[in-house]
Amino acid sequence: MRLIKNLLALIVLAIGALWSLQGIGLVGGSFMTGQSQWLYIGIVTALVGLAAWCGRTGAVESYIGKER
């Protein structure tokens, strides 16, 4: 179950990165290419994926624990 959640989080992160790249025009071939709204949508999506992935792996908790 943990593996599936991590994979889903990474897929969401990758989709967000793709949408961001399309929004700034680096990836072509779509109606999203060059549309700045997809940059912002992609950034939010990538951050959601990153937060889900960090929360699932415990990376944030282990990092915070090292500072104490």
PDB file of N, CA and C in Angstrom:
ATOM      1  N   MET A   1       0.824  -1.194   0.000  1.00  0.00           N
ATOM      2  CA  MET A   1       0.000   0.000   0.000  1.00  0.00           C
ATOM      3  C   MET A   1       0.868   1.257   0.000  1.00  0.00           C
ATOM      4  N   ARG A   2       1.950   1.213   0.766  1.00  0.00           N
ATOM      5  CA  ARG A   2       2.857   2.354   0.834  1.00  0.00           C
ATOM      6  C   ARG A   2       3.506   2.610  -0.526  1.00  0.00           C
ATOM      7  N   LEU A   3       3.865   1.550  -1.214  1.00  0.00           N
ATOM      8  CA  LEU A   3       4.471   1.679  -2.540  1.00  0.00           C
ATOM      9  C   LEU A   3       3.508   2.346  -3.515  1.00  0.00           C
ATOM     10  N   ILE A   4       2.252   1.964  -3.474  1.00  0.00           N
ATOM     11  CA  ILE A   4       1.248   2.541  -4.372  1.00  0.00           C
ATOM     12  C   ILE A   4       1.077   4.035  -4.089  1.00  0.00           C
ATOM     13  N   LYS A   5       1.032   4.410  -2.817  1.00  0.00           N
ATOM     14  CA  LYS A   5       0.882   5.822  -2.462  1.00  0.00           C
ATOM     15  C   LYS A   5       2.096   6.634  -2.912  1.00  0.00           C
ATOM     16  N   ASN A   6       3.284   6.065  -2.745  1.00  0.00           N
ATOM     17  CA  ASN A   6       4.489   6.759  -3.203  1.00  0.00           C
ATOM     18  C   ASN A   6       4.497   6.914  -4.718  1.00  0.00           C
ATOM     19  N   LEU A   7       4.095   5.873  -5.429  1.00  0.00           N
ATOM     20  CA  LEU A   7       4.058   5.951  -6.883  1.00  0.00           C
ATOM     21  C   LEU A   7       3.045   6.987  -7.358  1.00  0.00           C
ATOM     22  N   LEU A   8       1.886   7.025  -6.734  1.00  0.00           N
ATOM     23  CA  LEU A   8       0.874   8.022  -7.102  1.00  0.00           C
ATOM     24  C   LEU A   8       1.383   9.441  -6.845  1.00  0.00           C
ATOM     25  N   ALA A   9       2.059   9.636  -5.720  1.00  0.00           N
ATOM     26  CA  ALA A   9       2.606  10.958  -5.407  1.00  0.00           C
ATOM     27  C   ALA A   9       3.658  11.366  -6.435  1.00  0.00           C
ATOM     28  N   LEU A  10       4.504  10.437  -6.840  1.00  0.00           N
ATOM     29  CA  LEU A  10       5.526  10.744  -7.840  1.00  0.00           C
ATOM     30  C   LEU A  10       4.920  10.991  -9.217  1.00  0.00           C
ATOM     31  N   ILE A  11       3.847  10.288  -9.539  1.00  0.00           N
ATOM     32  CA  ILE A  11       3.155  10.528 -10.816  1.00  0.00           C
ATOM     33  C   ILE A  11       2.547  11.930 -10.828  1.00  0.00           C
ATOM     34  N   VAL A  12       1.930  12.325  -9.726  1.00  0.00           N
ATOM     35  CA  VAL A  12       1.353  13.669  -9.630  1.00  0.00           C
ATOM     36  C   VAL A  12       2.466  14.718  -9.743  1.00  0.00           C
ATOM     37  N   LEU A  13       3.589  14.470  -9.116  1.00  0.00           N
ATOM     38  CA  LEU A  13       4.729  15.377  -9.206  1.00  0.00           C
ATOM     39  C   LEU A  13       5.216  15.500 -10.650  1.00  0.00           C
ATOM     40  N   ALA A  14       5.322  14.377 -11.344  1.00  0.00           N
ATOM     41  CA  ALA A  14       5.789  14.381 -12.735  1.00  0.00           C
ATOM     42  C   ALA A  14       4.802  15.098 -13.655  1.00  0.00           C
ATOM     43  N   ILE A  15       3.517  14.884 -13.439  1.00  0.00           N
ATOM     44  CA  ILE A  15       2.502  15.569 -14.249  1.00  0.00           C
ATOM     45  C   ILE A  15       2.575  17.078 -14.011  1.00  0.00           C
ATOM     46  N   GLY A  16       2.754  17.474 -12.781  1.00  0.00           N
ATOM     47  CA  GLY A  16       2.884  18.893 -12.477  1.00  0.00           C
ATOM     48  C   GLY A  16       4.107  19.508 -13.144  1.00  0.00           C
ATOM     49  N   ALA A  17       5.213  18.771 -13.141  1.00  0.00           N
ATOM     50  CA  ALA A  17       6.425  19.264 -13.814  1.00  0.00           C
ATOM     51  C   ALA A  17       6.191  19.387 -15.312  1.00  0.00           C
ATOM     52  N   LEU A  18       5.536  18.408 -15.903  1.00  0.00           N
ATOM     53  CA  LEU A  18       5.234  18.457 -17.334  1.00  0.00           C
ATOM     54  C   LEU A  18       4.343  19.650 -17.674  1.00  0.00           C
ATOM     55  N   TRP A  19       3.305  19.851 -16.896  1.00  0.00           N
ATOM     56  CA  TRP A  19       2.400  20.977 -17.144  1.00  0.00           C
ATOM     57  C   TRP A  19       3.148  22.305 -17.011  1.00  0.00           C
ATOM     58  N   SER A  20       4.055  22.397 -16.037  1.00  0.00           N
ATOM     59  CA  SER A  20       4.836  23.622 -15.870  1.00  0.00           C
ATOM     60  C   SER A  20       5.719  23.875 -17.083  1.00  0.00           C
ATOM     61  N   LEU A  21       6.375  22.829 -17.551  1.00  0.00           N
ATOM     62  CA  LEU A  21       7.238  22.975 -18.725  1.00  0.00           C
ATOM     63  C   LEU A  21       6.430  23.341 -19.968  1.00  0.00           C
ATOM     64  N   GLN A  22       5.245  22.794 -20.088  1.00  0.00           N
ATOM     65  CA  GLN A  22       4.384  23.170 -21.206  1.00  0.00           C
ATOM     66  C   GLN A  22       3.930  24.617 -21.066  1.00  0.00           C
ATOM     67  N   GLY A  23       3.667  25.042 -19.860  1.00  0.00           N
ATOM     68  CA  GLY A  23       3.222  26.405 -19.627  1.00  0.00           C
ATOM     69  C   GLY A  23       4.252  27.447 -20.019  1.00  0.00           C
ATOM     70  N   ILE A  24       5.531  27.120 -19.837  1.00  0.00           N
ATOM     71  CA  ILE A  24       6.565  28.084 -20.216  1.00  0.00           C
ATOM     72  C   ILE A  24       7.060  27.860 -21.644  1.00  0.00           C
ATOM     73  N   GLY A  25       6.515  26.854 -22.319  1.00  0.00           N
ATOM     74  CA  GLY A  25       6.811  26.652 -23.734  1.00  0.00           C
ATOM     75  C   GLY A  25       7.986  25.752 -24.036  1.00  0.00           C
ATOM     76  N   LEU A  26       8.522  25.043 -23.050  1.00  0.00           N
ATOM     77  CA  LEU A  26       9.658  24.150 -23.302  1.00  0.00           C
ATOM     78  C   LEU A  26       9.239  22.811 -23.884  1.00  0.00           C
ATOM     79  N   VAL A  27       8.009  22.409 -23.629  1.00  0.00           N
ATOM     80  CA  VAL A  27       7.470  21.166 -24.188  1.00  0.00           C
ATOM     81  C   VAL A  27       6.317  21.556 -25.102  1.00  0.00           C
ATOM     82  N   GLY A  28       6.432  21.216 -26.362  1.00  0.00           N
ATOM     83  CA  GLY A  28       5.416  21.608 -27.329  1.00  0.00           C
ATOM     84  C   GLY A  28       4.452  20.489 -27.658  1.00  0.00           C
ATOM     85  N   GLY A  29       3.570  20.785 -28.596  1.00  0.00           N
ATOM     86  CA  GLY A  29       2.656  19.771 -29.098  1.00  0.00           C
ATOM     87  C   GLY A  29       1.344  19.661 -28.370  1.00  0.00           C
ATOM     88  N   SER A  30       0.954  20.710 -27.649  1.00  0.00           N
ATOM     89  CA  SER A  30      -0.281  20.651 -26.879  1.00  0.00           C
ATOM     90  C   SER A  30      -0.931  22.034 -26.877  1.00  0.00           C
ATOM     91  N   PHE A  31      -2.221  22.063 -26.577  1.00  0.00           N
ATOM     92  CA  PHE A  31      -2.908  23.345 -26.445  1.00  0.00           C
ATOM     93  C   PHE A  31      -2.404  24.113 -25.229  1.00  0.00           C
ATOM     94  N   MET A  32      -1.699  23.430 -24.325  1.00  0.00           N
ATOM     95  CA  MET A  32      -1.192  24.063 -23.109  1.00  0.00           C
ATOM     96  C   MET A  32       0.124  24.792 -23.340  1.00  0.00           C
ATOM     97  N   THR A  33       0.781  24.542 -24.471  1.00  0.00           N
ATOM     98  CA  THR A  33       2.090  25.109 -24.740  1.00  0.00           C
ATOM     99  C   THR A  33       2.018  26.629 -24.807  1.00  0.00           C
ATOM    100  N   GLY A  34       2.849  27.261 -23.996  1.00  0.00           N
ATOM    101  CA  GLY A  34       2.926  28.717 -23.996  1.00  0.00           C
ATOM    102  C   GLY A  34       1.827  29.427 -23.224  1.00  0.00           C
ATOM    103  N   GLN A  35       0.950  28.690 -22.575  1.00  0.00           N
ATOM    104  CA  GLN A  35      -0.129  29.283 -21.786  1.00  0.00           C
ATOM    105  C   GLN A  35       0.324  29.381 -20.331  1.00  0.00           C
ATOM    106  N   SER A  36       0.482  30.601 -19.842  1.00  0.00           N
ATOM    107  CA  SER A  36       1.045  30.800 -18.500  1.00  0.00           C
ATOM    108  C   SER A  36       0.177  30.202 -17.394  1.00  0.00           C
ATOM    109  N   GLN A  37      -1.121  30.065 -17.618  1.00  0.00           N
ATOM    110  CA  GLN A  37      -1.959  29.478 -16.568  1.00  0.00           C
ATOM    111  C   GLN A  37      -1.538  28.045 -16.272  1.00  0.00           C
ATOM    112  N   TRP A  38      -1.002  27.331 -17.269  1.00  0.00           N
ATOM    113  CA  TRP A  38      -0.564  25.954 -17.046  1.00  0.00           C
ATOM    114  C   TRP A  38       0.736  25.896 -16.274  1.00  0.00           C
ATOM    115  N   LEU A  39       1.511  26.967 -16.317  1.00  0.00           N
ATOM    116  CA  LEU A  39       2.689  27.050 -15.468  1.00  0.00           C
ATOM    117  C   LEU A  39       2.261  27.041 -14.003  1.00  0.00           C
ATOM    118  N   TYR A  40       1.289  27.873 -13.676  1.00  0.00           N
ATOM    119  CA  TYR A  40       0.833  27.969 -12.288  1.00  0.00           C
ATOM    120  C   TYR A  40       0.101  26.709 -11.832  1.00  0.00           C
ATOM    121  N   ILE A  41      -0.722  26.162 -12.701  1.00  0.00           N
ATOM    122  CA  ILE A  41      -1.407  24.910 -12.365  1.00  0.00           C
ATOM    123  C   ILE A  41      -0.380  23.793 -12.152  1.00  0.00           C
ATOM    124  N   GLY A  42       0.634  23.767 -12.993  1.00  0.00           N
ATOM    125  CA  GLY A  42       1.680  22.752 -12.876  1.00  0.00           C
ATOM    126  C   GLY A  42       2.487  22.891 -11.600  1.00  0.00           C
ATOM    127  N   ILE A  43       2.796  24.121 -11.225  1.00  0.00           N
ATOM    128  CA  ILE A  43       3.550  24.345  -9.985  1.00  0.00           C
ATOM    129  C   ILE A  43       2.758  23.855  -8.782  1.00  0.00           C
ATOM    130  N   VAL A  44       1.481  24.201  -8.725  1.00  0.00           N
ATOM    131  CA  VAL A  44       0.639  23.758  -7.602  1.00  0.00           C
ATOM    132  C   VAL A  44       0.533  22.236  -7.583  1.00  0.00           C
ATOM    133  N   THR A  45       0.335  21.638  -8.753  1.00  0.00           N
ATOM    134  CA  THR A  45       0.222  20.179  -8.838  1.00  0.00           C
ATOM    135  C   THR A  45       1.521  19.506  -8.407  1.00  0.00           C
ATOM    136  N   ALA A  46       2.642  20.041  -8.855  1.00  0.00           N
ATOM    137  CA  ALA A  46       3.939  19.469  -8.470  1.00  0.00           C
ATOM    138  C   ALA A  46       4.165  19.596  -6.966  1.00  0.00           C
ATOM    139  N   LEU A  47       3.780  20.709  -6.391  1.00  0.00           N
ATOM    140  CA  LEU A  47       3.941  20.882  -4.945  1.00  0.00           C
ATOM    141  C   LEU A  47       3.057  19.915  -4.160  1.00  0.00           C
ATOM    142  N   VAL A  48       1.851  19.677  -4.658  1.00  0.00           N
ATOM    143  CA  VAL A  48       0.968  18.696  -4.005  1.00  0.00           C
ATOM    144  C   VAL A  48       1.606  17.308  -4.070  1.00  0.00           C
ATOM    145  N   GLY A  49       2.132  16.946  -5.225  1.00  0.00           N
ATOM    146  CA  GLY A  49       2.800  15.657  -5.363  1.00  0.00           C
ATOM    147  C   GLY A  49       4.025  15.543  -4.473  1.00  0.00           C
ATOM    148  N   LEU A  50       4.797  16.617  -4.395  1.00  0.00           N
ATOM    149  CA  LEU A  50       5.990  16.619  -3.548  1.00  0.00           C
ATOM    150  C   LEU A  50       5.623  16.494  -2.071  1.00  0.00           C
ATOM    151  N   ALA A  51       4.599  17.230  -1.664  1.00  0.00           N
ATOM    152  CA  ALA A  51       4.156  17.156  -0.268  1.00  0.00           C
ATOM    153  C   ALA A  51       3.641  15.765   0.072  1.00  0.00           C
ATOM    154  N   ALA A  52       2.894  15.173  -0.841  1.00  0.00           N
ATOM    155  CA  ALA A  52       2.381  13.817  -0.603  1.00  0.00           C
ATOM    156  C   ALA A  52       3.522  12.817  -0.535  1.00  0.00           C
ATOM    157  N   TRP A  53       4.513  12.981  -1.404  1.00  0.00           N
ATOM    158  CA  TRP A  53       5.636  12.048  -1.417  1.00  0.00           C
ATOM    159  C   TRP A  53       6.490  12.198  -0.163  1.00  0.00           C
ATOM    160  N   CYS A  54       6.763  13.422   0.247  1.00  0.00           N
ATOM    161  CA  CYS A  54       7.556  13.645   1.461  1.00  0.00           C
ATOM    162  C   CYS A  54       6.808  13.163   2.696  1.00  0.00           C
ATOM    163  N   GLY A  55       5.513  13.359   2.715  1.00  0.00           N
ATOM    164  CA  GLY A  55       4.715  12.890   3.845  1.00  0.00           C
ATOM    165  C   GLY A  55       4.663  11.381   3.927  1.00  0.00           C
ATOM    166  N   ARG A  56       4.665  10.712   2.774  1.00  0.00           N
ATOM    167  CA  ARG A  56       4.602   9.249   2.748  1.00  0.00           C
ATOM    168  C   ARG A  56       5.931   8.612   3.109  1.00  0.00           C
ATOM    169  N   THR A  57       7.034   9.248   2.738  1.00  0.00           N
ATOM    170  CA  THR A  57       8.333   8.637   2.996  1.00  0.00           C
ATOM    171  C   THR A  57       8.891   9.000   4.357  1.00  0.00           C
ATOM    172  N   GLY A  58       8.304  10.014   4.978  1.00  0.00           N
ATOM    173  CA  GLY A  58       8.802  10.445   6.275  1.00  0.00           C
ATOM    174  C   GLY A  58      10.031  11.331   6.160  1.00  0.00           C
ATOM    175  N   ALA A  59      10.322  11.832   4.974  1.00  0.00           N
ATOM    176  CA  ALA A  59      11.509  12.651   4.763  1.00  0.00           C
ATOM    177  C   ALA A  59      11.460  13.935   5.580  1.00  0.00           C
ATOM    178  N   VAL A  60      10.300  14.539   5.657  1.00  0.00           N
ATOM    179  CA  VAL A  60      10.177  15.788   6.401  1.00  0.00           C
ATOM    180  C   VAL A  60      10.378  15.534   7.889  1.00  0.00           C
ATOM    181  N   GLU A  61       9.772  14.488   8.401  1.00  0.00           N
ATOM    182  CA  GLU A  61       9.900  14.184   9.820  1.00  0.00           C
ATOM    183  C   GLU A  61      11.337  13.849  10.193  1.00  0.00           C
ATOM    184  N   SER A  62      12.034  13.096   9.345  1.00  0.00           N
ATOM    185  CA  SER A  62      13.415  12.736   9.663  1.00  0.00           C
ATOM    186  C   SER A  62      14.314  13.962   9.575  1.00  0.00           C
ATOM    187  N   TYR A  63      14.025  14.881   8.669  1.00  0.00           N
ATOM    188  CA  TYR A  63      14.819  16.098   8.547  1.00  0.00           C
ATOM    189  C   TYR A  63      14.610  16.979   9.769  1.00  0.00           C
ATOM    190  N   ILE A  64      13.362  17.161  10.190  1.00  0.00           N
ATOM    191  CA  ILE A  64      13.064  17.998  11.337  1.00  0.00           C
ATOM    192  C   ILE A  64      13.666  17.367  12.600  1.00  0.00           C
ATOM    193  N   GLY A  65      13.617  16.054  12.686  1.00  0.00           N
ATOM    194  CA  GLY A  65      14.167  15.368  13.852  1.00  0.00           C
ATOM    195  C   GLY A  65      15.656  15.557  13.998  1.00  0.00           C
ATOM    196  N   LYS A  66      16.389  15.759  12.913  1.00  0.00           N
ATOM    197  CA  LYS A  66      17.832  15.948  12.973  1.00  0.00           C
ATOM    198  C   LYS A  66      18.202  17.314  13.550  1.00  0.00           C
ATOM    199  N   GLU A  67      17.306  18.297  13.406  1.00  0.00           N
ATOM    200  CA  GLU A  67      17.606  19.634  13.887  1.00  0.00           C
ATOM    201  C   GLU A  67      17.456  19.747  15.405  1.00  0.00           C
ATOM    202  N   ARG A  68      16.686  18.886  16.000  1.00  0.00           N
ATOM    203  CA  ARG A  68      16.423  18.989  17.450  1.00  0.00           C
ATOM    204  C   ARG A  68      17.530  18.435  18.263  1.00  0.00           C
TER     205      ARG A  68
END
